[in-house]
Protein backbone atom coordinates (compact mmCIF):
# COMPACT_ATOMS: atom_id res chain seq x y z
CA UNK A 1 81.91 1.79 -1.00
CA UNK A 2 79.86 -1.16 -2.00
CA UNK A 3 81.56 -4.43 -2.82
CA UNK A 4 81.44 -6.39 -6.07
CA UNK A 5 82.01 -10.06 -6.89
CA UNK A 6 84.36 -10.63 -9.82
CA UNK A 7 84.24 -13.35 -12.44
CA UNK A 8 86.82 -15.26 -10.40
CA UNK A 9 83.86 -16.41 -8.26
CA UNK A 10 83.60 -20.21 -8.10
CA UNK A 11 79.97 -20.26 -6.89
CA UNK A 12 80.94 -21.97 -3.66
CA UNK A 13 77.82 -20.60 -1.89
CA UNK A 14 79.60 -19.46 1.28
CA UNK A 15 79.19 -15.69 0.93
CA UNK A 16 75.42 -15.45 0.50
CA UNK A 17 74.37 -16.69 3.96
CA UNK A 18 77.03 -14.51 5.65
CA UNK A 19 75.59 -11.21 4.38
CA UNK A 20 73.53 -9.57 7.16
CA UNK A 21 71.77 -7.30 4.65
CA UNK A 22 70.80 -10.00 2.15
CA UNK A 23 72.72 -8.06 -0.49
CA UNK A 24 74.22 -11.17 -2.12
CA UNK A 25 72.25 -13.35 -4.50
CA UNK A 26 72.88 -15.82 -7.29
CA UNK A 27 73.25 -14.05 -10.62
CA UNK A 28 73.14 -15.55 -14.10
CA UNK A 29 76.66 -16.96 -13.87
CA UNK A 30 78.12 -15.91 -10.50
CA UNK A 31 76.94 -14.37 -7.26
CA UNK A 32 76.19 -10.65 -7.33
CA UNK A 33 76.01 -7.92 -4.70
CA UNK A 34 73.19 -5.37 -4.68
CA UNK A 35 74.93 -2.01 -4.10
CA UNK A 36 71.72 -0.62 -2.60
CA UNK A 37 71.92 -3.18 0.22
CA UNK A 38 75.68 -3.57 0.70
CA UNK A 39 77.07 -1.66 3.69
CA UNK A 40 80.36 -3.61 3.81
CA UNK A 41 78.85 -4.93 7.05
CA UNK A 42 79.05 -1.47 8.64
CA UNK A 43 76.59 -1.54 11.53
CA UNK A 44 76.91 -5.31 11.89
CA UNK A 45 80.59 -6.32 11.90
CA UNK A 46 84.05 -4.75 11.80
CA UNK A 47 84.89 -6.36 8.44
CA UNK A 48 82.84 -7.50 5.44
CA UNK A 49 81.82 -11.06 6.24
CA UNK A 50 81.66 -12.13 2.59
CA UNK A 51 85.36 -11.30 2.26
CA UNK A 52 86.15 -13.21 5.44
CA UNK A 53 84.71 -16.46 4.07
CA UNK A 54 85.55 -16.15 0.35
CA UNK A 55 88.11 -18.85 -0.54
CA UNK A 56 89.23 -17.17 -3.78
CA UNK A 57 89.44 -13.51 -2.70
CA UNK A 58 87.13 -12.26 -5.46
CA UNK A 59 85.25 -9.49 -3.59
CA UNK A 60 86.95 -6.11 -4.11
CA UNK A 61 85.53 -2.63 -3.62
CA UNK A 62 83.14 -1.56 -6.37
CA UNK A 63 84.61 1.59 -7.97
CA UNK A 64 81.18 2.39 -9.45
CA UNK A 65 79.67 2.75 -5.95
CA UNK A 66 82.05 4.77 -3.80
CA UNK A 67 80.78 5.48 -0.27
CA UNK A 68 82.48 6.56 2.94
CA UNK A 69 81.80 5.07 6.39
CA UNK A 70 79.22 7.74 7.23
CA UNK A 71 77.28 6.94 4.05
CA UNK A 72 77.51 3.22 4.73
CA UNK A 73 76.21 3.77 8.27
CA UNK A 74 73.33 5.87 6.94
CA UNK A 75 72.47 3.07 4.50
CA UNK A 76 72.62 0.55 7.36
CA UNK A 77 70.23 2.68 9.44
CA UNK A 78 67.84 3.04 6.52
CA UNK A 79 67.88 -0.71 5.83
CA UNK A 80 67.40 -1.48 9.53
CA UNK A 81 64.40 0.84 9.75
CA UNK A 82 62.81 -0.86 6.74
CA UNK A 83 62.84 -4.27 8.43
């Protein structure tokens, strides 16, 4: 499942550089996560790094983009091959 940043985001800038897939970028008002690039850090880390550093805990699972670990790993492999 991809992650999403809620409107509780305070634009502290700590999540964006932590994302190994460059899935996080500045949106119009808050940071946003590209569901096509988010693997919840599967293939890189044991836990999503954006969640680890977020001081306001505003990065839940995105119910609009449900994926299991196998799908996240497949996405990671596809993104890695494209680099």
